[in-house]
Structure formats: structure tokens, C-alpha cells
N, C-alpha and C. Protein backbone atom coordinates (compact mmCIF):
# COMPACT_ATOMS: atom_id res chain seq x y z
N UNK A 1 151.68 111.94 132.28
CA UNK A 1 150.85 112.46 131.22
C UNK A 1 149.95 111.38 130.65
N UNK A 2 150.48 110.19 130.43
CA UNK A 2 149.66 109.13 129.86
C UNK A 2 148.55 108.70 130.82
N UNK A 3 148.82 108.76 132.12
CA UNK A 3 147.79 108.40 133.10
C UNK A 3 146.64 109.40 133.05
N UNK A 4 146.97 110.66 132.99
CA UNK A 4 145.93 111.70 132.91
C UNK A 4 145.14 111.54 131.61
N UNK A 5 145.86 111.24 130.53
CA UNK A 5 145.20 111.06 129.24
C UNK A 5 144.25 109.86 129.28
N UNK A 6 144.70 108.74 129.86
CA UNK A 6 143.83 107.56 129.93
C UNK A 6 142.64 107.81 130.84
N UNK A 7 142.84 108.59 131.90
CA UNK A 7 141.71 108.93 132.77
C UNK A 7 140.71 109.79 132.03
N UNK A 8 141.21 110.73 131.20
CA UNK A 8 140.32 111.56 130.41
C UNK A 8 139.53 110.70 129.43
N UNK A 9 140.19 109.74 128.79
CA UNK A 9 139.50 108.85 127.85
C UNK A 9 138.45 108.02 128.58
N UNK A 10 138.81 107.52 129.74
CA UNK A 10 137.86 106.74 130.52
C UNK A 10 136.67 107.60 130.90
N UNK A 11 136.94 108.82 131.32
CA UNK A 11 135.86 109.72 131.69
C UNK A 11 134.96 110.01 130.50
N UNK A 12 135.56 110.23 129.34
CA UNK A 12 134.76 110.48 128.14
C UNK A 12 133.94 109.26 127.77
N UNK A 13 134.55 108.09 127.87
CA UNK A 13 133.84 106.85 127.56
C UNK A 13 132.67 106.66 128.53
N UNK A 14 132.93 106.90 129.81
CA UNK A 14 131.87 106.77 130.81
C UNK A 14 130.76 107.78 130.56
N UNK A 15 131.13 109.00 130.19
CA UNK A 15 130.13 110.02 129.89
C UNK A 15 129.26 109.61 128.70
N UNK A 16 129.88 109.05 127.67
CA UNK A 16 129.13 108.59 126.50
C UNK A 16 128.19 107.45 126.89
N UNK A 17 128.70 106.55 127.71
CA UNK A 17 127.87 105.43 128.15
C UNK A 17 126.67 105.93 128.94
N UNK A 18 126.91 106.87 129.85
CA UNK A 18 125.81 107.42 130.65
C UNK A 18 124.82 108.18 129.77
N UNK A 19 125.32 108.88 128.76
CA UNK A 19 124.44 109.62 127.87
C UNK A 19 123.55 108.68 127.06
N UNK A 20 124.05 107.49 126.78
CA UNK A 20 123.29 106.52 126.00
C UNK A 20 122.29 105.76 126.87
N UNK A 21 122.44 105.86 128.17
CA UNK A 21 121.60 105.10 129.08
C UNK A 21 120.23 105.76 129.22
N UNK A 22 119.20 104.95 129.13
CA UNK A 22 117.84 105.42 129.35
C UNK A 22 117.57 105.32 130.85
N UNK A 23 116.50 105.96 131.30
CA UNK A 23 116.14 105.84 132.70
C UNK A 23 116.16 104.38 133.12
N UNK A 24 116.77 104.10 134.26
CA UNK A 24 116.84 102.73 134.73
C UNK A 24 115.49 102.32 135.30
N UNK A 25 115.31 101.04 135.44
CA UNK A 25 114.05 100.50 135.94
C UNK A 25 113.85 100.87 137.40
N UNK A 26 114.93 100.87 138.17
CA UNK A 26 114.85 101.10 139.61
C UNK A 26 115.58 102.38 140.01
N UNK A 27 115.12 102.98 141.10
CA UNK A 27 115.86 104.08 141.70
C UNK A 27 117.10 103.49 142.37
N UNK A 28 118.03 104.34 142.75
CA UNK A 28 119.25 103.88 143.42
C UNK A 28 118.88 103.14 144.71
N UNK A 29 117.92 103.67 145.46
CA UNK A 29 117.52 103.04 146.72
C UNK A 29 116.84 101.69 146.48
N UNK A 30 115.96 101.64 145.48
CA UNK A 30 115.30 100.37 145.16
C UNK A 30 116.34 99.32 144.76
N UNK A 31 117.29 99.71 143.94
CA UNK A 31 118.33 98.78 143.50
C UNK A 31 119.14 98.29 144.69
N UNK A 32 119.50 99.18 145.60
CA UNK A 32 120.27 98.80 146.79
C UNK A 32 119.47 97.81 147.64
N UNK A 33 118.18 98.05 147.79
CA UNK A 33 117.34 97.14 148.57
C UNK A 33 117.25 95.76 147.92
N UNK A 34 117.09 95.73 146.61
CA UNK A 34 117.01 94.45 145.89
C UNK A 34 118.33 93.70 145.99
N UNK A 35 119.44 94.42 145.81
CA UNK A 35 120.76 93.78 145.89
C UNK A 35 120.99 93.18 147.28
N UNK A 36 120.62 93.91 148.33
CA UNK A 36 120.80 93.41 149.70
C UNK A 36 119.92 92.19 149.93
N UNK A 37 118.67 92.26 149.49
CA UNK A 37 117.75 91.12 149.63
C UNK A 37 118.29 89.90 148.89
N UNK A 38 118.72 90.09 147.64
CA UNK A 38 119.21 88.99 146.83
C UNK A 38 120.48 88.39 147.44
N UNK A 39 121.37 89.23 147.92
CA UNK A 39 122.60 88.76 148.56
C UNK A 39 122.27 87.84 149.74
N UNK A 40 121.34 88.26 150.57
CA UNK A 40 120.95 87.43 151.73
C UNK A 40 120.30 86.13 151.29
N UNK A 41 119.47 86.18 150.28
CA UNK A 41 118.81 84.96 149.77
C UNK A 41 119.84 83.99 149.20
N UNK A 42 120.82 84.51 148.49
CA UNK A 42 121.86 83.63 147.95
C UNK A 42 122.69 83.04 149.08
N UNK A 43 122.92 83.81 150.13
CA UNK A 43 123.63 83.27 151.30
C UNK A 43 122.91 82.04 151.86
N UNK A 44 121.59 82.05 151.80
CA UNK A 44 120.79 80.93 152.32
C UNK A 44 120.93 79.67 151.47
N UNK A 45 121.54 79.78 150.30
CA UNK A 45 121.76 78.62 149.44
C UNK A 45 122.94 77.79 149.94
N UNK A 46 123.74 78.33 150.86
CA UNK A 46 124.88 77.63 151.46
C UNK A 46 125.86 77.12 150.40
N UNK A 47 126.24 78.00 149.49
CA UNK A 47 127.22 77.67 148.47
C UNK A 47 128.62 77.75 149.08
N UNK A 48 129.51 76.89 148.62
CA UNK A 48 130.91 77.01 149.04
C UNK A 48 131.45 78.31 148.43
N UNK A 49 132.63 78.73 148.88
CA UNK A 49 133.22 79.95 148.34
C UNK A 49 133.40 79.84 146.83
N UNK A 50 133.86 78.68 146.38
CA UNK A 50 134.07 78.48 144.94
C UNK A 50 132.74 78.49 144.18
N UNK A 51 131.73 77.83 144.73
CA UNK A 51 130.40 77.82 144.10
C UNK A 51 129.81 79.22 144.07
N UNK A 52 129.99 79.97 145.15
CA UNK A 52 129.44 81.33 145.22
C UNK A 52 130.10 82.22 144.18
N UNK A 53 131.41 82.07 144.03
CA UNK A 53 132.11 82.88 143.04
C UNK A 53 131.60 82.55 141.64
N UNK A 54 131.43 81.28 141.33
CA UNK A 54 130.93 80.89 140.02
C UNK A 54 129.49 81.37 139.82
N UNK A 55 128.66 81.22 140.85
CA UNK A 55 127.27 81.67 140.79
C UNK A 55 127.20 83.17 140.52
N UNK A 56 127.93 83.93 141.32
CA UNK A 56 127.92 85.39 141.17
C UNK A 56 128.42 85.82 139.80
N UNK A 57 129.47 85.16 139.31
CA UNK A 57 130.01 85.50 137.99
C UNK A 57 128.94 85.29 136.92
N UNK A 58 128.26 84.17 136.98
CA UNK A 58 127.23 83.87 135.98
C UNK A 58 126.07 84.86 136.10
N UNK A 59 125.52 84.99 137.29
CA UNK A 59 124.34 85.83 137.49
C UNK A 59 124.62 87.28 137.12
N UNK A 60 125.72 87.82 137.62
CA UNK A 60 125.98 89.24 137.39
C UNK A 60 126.37 89.54 135.95
N UNK A 61 126.94 88.57 135.24
CA UNK A 61 127.21 88.81 133.81
C UNK A 61 125.89 88.91 133.05
N UNK A 62 124.91 88.10 133.42
CA UNK A 62 123.60 88.18 132.76
C UNK A 62 122.82 89.42 133.21
N UNK A 63 122.93 89.78 134.47
CA UNK A 63 122.28 91.00 134.95
C UNK A 63 122.82 92.21 134.19
N UNK A 64 124.13 92.21 133.93
CA UNK A 64 124.71 93.31 133.16
C UNK A 64 124.07 93.36 131.77
N UNK A 65 123.92 92.21 131.12
CA UNK A 65 123.27 92.19 129.81
C UNK A 65 121.85 92.73 129.90
N UNK A 66 121.13 92.32 130.93
CA UNK A 66 119.75 92.80 131.12
C UNK A 66 119.73 94.31 131.30
N UNK A 67 120.68 94.82 132.06
CA UNK A 67 120.69 96.26 132.37
C UNK A 67 120.97 97.12 131.15
N UNK A 68 121.54 96.53 130.11
CA UNK A 68 121.86 97.29 128.90
C UNK A 68 120.75 97.26 127.86
N UNK A 69 119.71 96.50 128.10
CA UNK A 69 118.64 96.36 127.10
C UNK A 69 117.92 97.67 126.78
N UNK A 70 117.84 98.56 127.77
CA UNK A 70 117.11 99.81 127.53
C UNK A 70 118.03 100.98 127.19
N UNK A 71 119.26 100.71 126.79
CA UNK A 71 120.16 101.78 126.35
C UNK A 71 119.63 102.39 125.06
N UNK A 72 119.77 103.69 124.93
CA UNK A 72 119.29 104.40 123.74
C UNK A 72 119.92 103.86 122.47
N UNK A 73 121.20 103.48 122.54
CA UNK A 73 121.88 103.03 121.33
C UNK A 73 121.36 101.67 120.85
N UNK A 74 120.63 100.94 121.69
CA UNK A 74 120.03 99.67 121.28
C UNK A 74 118.77 99.93 120.45
N UNK A 75 118.04 100.97 120.81
CA UNK A 75 116.84 101.37 120.08
C UNK A 75 115.79 100.26 120.02
N UNK A 76 115.68 99.46 121.11
CA UNK A 76 114.69 98.39 121.17
C UNK A 76 113.34 98.96 121.58
N UNK A 77 112.29 98.37 121.05
CA UNK A 77 110.94 98.69 121.52
C UNK A 77 110.75 97.99 122.86
N UNK A 78 109.71 98.37 123.58
CA UNK A 78 109.43 97.73 124.87
C UNK A 78 109.15 96.24 124.67
N UNK A 79 108.50 95.89 123.56
CA UNK A 79 108.24 94.47 123.28
C UNK A 79 109.53 93.71 122.98
N UNK A 80 110.44 94.34 122.26
CA UNK A 80 111.74 93.71 121.98
C UNK A 80 112.54 93.54 123.27
N UNK A 81 112.49 94.53 124.15
CA UNK A 81 113.17 94.42 125.44
C UNK A 81 112.61 93.24 126.21
N UNK A 82 111.29 93.10 126.20
CA UNK A 82 110.62 92.01 126.91
C UNK A 82 111.12 90.65 126.41
N UNK A 83 111.14 90.46 125.11
CA UNK A 83 111.58 89.18 124.52
C UNK A 83 113.05 88.93 124.85
N UNK A 84 113.89 89.94 124.67
CA UNK A 84 115.32 89.77 124.92
C UNK A 84 115.58 89.54 126.41
N UNK A 85 114.83 90.21 127.27
CA UNK A 85 114.97 89.99 128.71
C UNK A 85 114.66 88.54 129.06
N UNK A 86 113.53 88.04 128.56
CA UNK A 86 113.16 86.65 128.83
C UNK A 86 114.20 85.67 128.30
N UNK A 87 114.75 85.95 127.13
CA UNK A 87 115.79 85.09 126.55
C UNK A 87 117.04 85.07 127.44
N UNK A 88 117.43 86.22 127.95
CA UNK A 88 118.61 86.29 128.83
C UNK A 88 118.35 85.50 130.11
N UNK A 89 117.17 85.67 130.71
CA UNK A 89 116.84 84.93 131.93
C UNK A 89 116.88 83.43 131.66
N UNK A 90 116.29 83.00 130.56
CA UNK A 90 116.28 81.58 130.23
C UNK A 90 117.69 81.03 130.03
N UNK A 91 118.53 81.78 129.35
CA UNK A 91 119.92 81.35 129.12
C UNK A 91 120.68 81.27 130.43
N UNK A 92 120.50 82.29 131.29
CA UNK A 92 121.16 82.29 132.60
C UNK A 92 120.72 81.08 133.41
N UNK A 93 119.41 80.84 133.46
CA UNK A 93 118.90 79.72 134.24
C UNK A 93 119.43 78.38 133.74
N UNK A 94 119.51 78.23 132.42
CA UNK A 94 120.03 76.98 131.85
C UNK A 94 121.49 76.78 132.26
N UNK A 95 122.27 77.85 132.23
CA UNK A 95 123.67 77.74 132.63
C UNK A 95 123.78 77.40 134.12
N UNK A 96 122.97 78.03 134.94
CA UNK A 96 123.03 77.78 136.38
C UNK A 96 122.56 76.36 136.72
N UNK A 97 121.60 75.86 135.97
CA UNK A 97 121.09 74.50 136.24
C UNK A 97 122.21 73.47 136.14
N UNK A 98 123.19 73.75 135.28
CA UNK A 98 124.28 72.79 135.09
C UNK A 98 125.34 72.86 136.19
N UNK A 99 125.32 73.92 137.02
CA UNK A 99 126.35 74.05 138.06
C UNK A 99 125.80 73.96 139.48
N UNK A 100 124.48 74.00 139.64
CA UNK A 100 123.86 73.95 140.97
C UNK A 100 123.23 72.59 141.21
N UNK A 101 123.10 72.24 142.49
CA UNK A 101 122.32 71.06 142.84
C UNK A 101 120.85 71.37 142.57
N UNK A 102 120.02 70.36 142.56
CA UNK A 102 118.58 70.57 142.33
C UNK A 102 118.01 71.53 143.37
N UNK A 103 118.36 71.32 144.62
CA UNK A 103 117.85 72.19 145.70
C UNK A 103 118.33 73.63 145.52
N UNK A 104 119.61 73.80 145.19
CA UNK A 104 120.15 75.15 144.98
C UNK A 104 119.49 75.82 143.77
N UNK A 105 119.26 75.03 142.73
CA UNK A 105 118.64 75.58 141.52
C UNK A 105 117.21 76.03 141.80
N UNK A 106 116.46 75.24 142.54
CA UNK A 106 115.09 75.61 142.90
C UNK A 106 115.12 76.91 143.72
N UNK A 107 116.07 76.99 144.66
CA UNK A 107 116.21 78.19 145.48
C UNK A 107 116.53 79.39 144.59
N UNK A 108 117.45 79.21 143.64
CA UNK A 108 117.79 80.29 142.71
C UNK A 108 116.54 80.75 141.95
N UNK A 109 115.78 79.79 141.41
CA UNK A 109 114.59 80.15 140.63
C UNK A 109 113.60 80.94 141.49
N UNK A 110 113.39 80.50 142.72
CA UNK A 110 112.48 81.23 143.62
C UNK A 110 112.97 82.65 143.86
N UNK A 111 114.27 82.79 144.11
CA UNK A 111 114.84 84.11 144.38
C UNK A 111 114.80 85.00 143.16
N UNK A 112 115.32 84.50 142.06
CA UNK A 112 115.44 85.36 140.88
C UNK A 112 114.08 85.66 140.27
N UNK A 113 113.13 84.74 140.41
CA UNK A 113 111.79 85.01 139.89
C UNK A 113 111.12 86.16 140.62
N UNK A 114 111.50 86.41 141.86
CA UNK A 114 111.00 87.60 142.57
C UNK A 114 111.48 88.86 141.86
N UNK A 115 112.72 88.86 141.44
CA UNK A 115 113.27 90.01 140.72
C UNK A 115 112.60 90.13 139.35
N UNK A 116 112.43 89.00 138.67
CA UNK A 116 111.77 89.00 137.35
C UNK A 116 110.36 89.57 137.48
N UNK A 117 109.61 89.12 138.49
CA UNK A 117 108.25 89.64 138.69
C UNK A 117 108.26 91.14 138.95
N UNK A 118 109.24 91.60 139.69
CA UNK A 118 109.35 93.02 139.97
C UNK A 118 109.60 93.81 138.68
N UNK A 119 110.46 93.30 137.82
CA UNK A 119 110.75 93.96 136.55
C UNK A 119 109.51 93.94 135.65
N UNK A 120 108.83 92.81 135.63
CA UNK A 120 107.58 92.72 134.85
C UNK A 120 106.60 93.78 135.34
N UNK A 121 106.49 93.91 136.65
CA UNK A 121 105.57 94.91 137.23
C UNK A 121 105.99 96.33 136.82
N UNK A 122 107.28 96.62 136.91
CA UNK A 122 107.77 97.96 136.57
C UNK A 122 107.48 98.32 135.11
N UNK A 123 107.62 97.33 134.21
CA UNK A 123 107.40 97.56 132.79
C UNK A 123 105.94 97.39 132.39
N UNK A 124 105.12 96.85 133.28
CA UNK A 124 103.71 96.61 132.94
C UNK A 124 103.52 95.38 132.05
N UNK A 125 104.47 94.45 132.13
CA UNK A 125 104.37 93.22 131.34
C UNK A 125 103.49 92.23 132.07
N UNK A 126 102.85 91.36 131.30
CA UNK A 126 102.05 90.28 131.88
C UNK A 126 102.95 89.09 132.19
N UNK A 127 102.64 88.37 133.24
CA UNK A 127 103.40 87.14 133.56
C UNK A 127 103.15 86.06 132.57
């Protein structure tokens, strides 16, 4: 009984979260393509298993923050989303700079800036 109850609560929580979500920036297919491209680009950085785990943990925690910026419950304007998005990217990059070699960090910036440019394009923001 408690398992069914917790599943119901989780389902309700998930439903509330989805209801609060605004249209995402990318379609499911676009997101899948970007994720596959980014995964391959990160593979080219030749990180050890431990480095890759740390890199992924950092990057995906910030990506999660970015993905929540347009939630209805945040009630941010497009300009506020832009500023907060840039702040998150800057914070992520600063954290990564401390754990990557110079070459790896440059590679990360090149890769992630492609995603940033894509988001800027989707929102109609200027570089």
C-alpha cells in the first residue's frame, strides 16, 4: 500500500512539474540530436572515467538549472531568462576551468558555445 501511495505522490508531483513547464526550447528530436552531438564532442576530450564523471556531473547539474528557467512558476521575463542563463553558463564555465586542463577547457568552451549559440538563436537573443 505504501508503495502505491508513494507512486501516486510521485505521479502527482511529476504532473505538477509538467504543468508548470513552459514549452521547451527544443523538440524531442532536436534535443536528442544535440545530446548525441555533445556526447561525441565530449568523448573527443579524452577524459579519464573519473574526469568524465566529474565533468558530466557539473555540466548536467547546470543544464538542469538552465532548463528550469522558463518554468511558469518562475515567472521570468525573456530578458530575465537571458541574464540568468548567461550567469549559469559563466558559473558552470568557471567551475569547469578549475577541473579541466587548458586544452580540455578550450574544447569544452568550443563545444558548449555551439549549444549557447543555438539557444540564443532559438530565443532571438543577440550574441
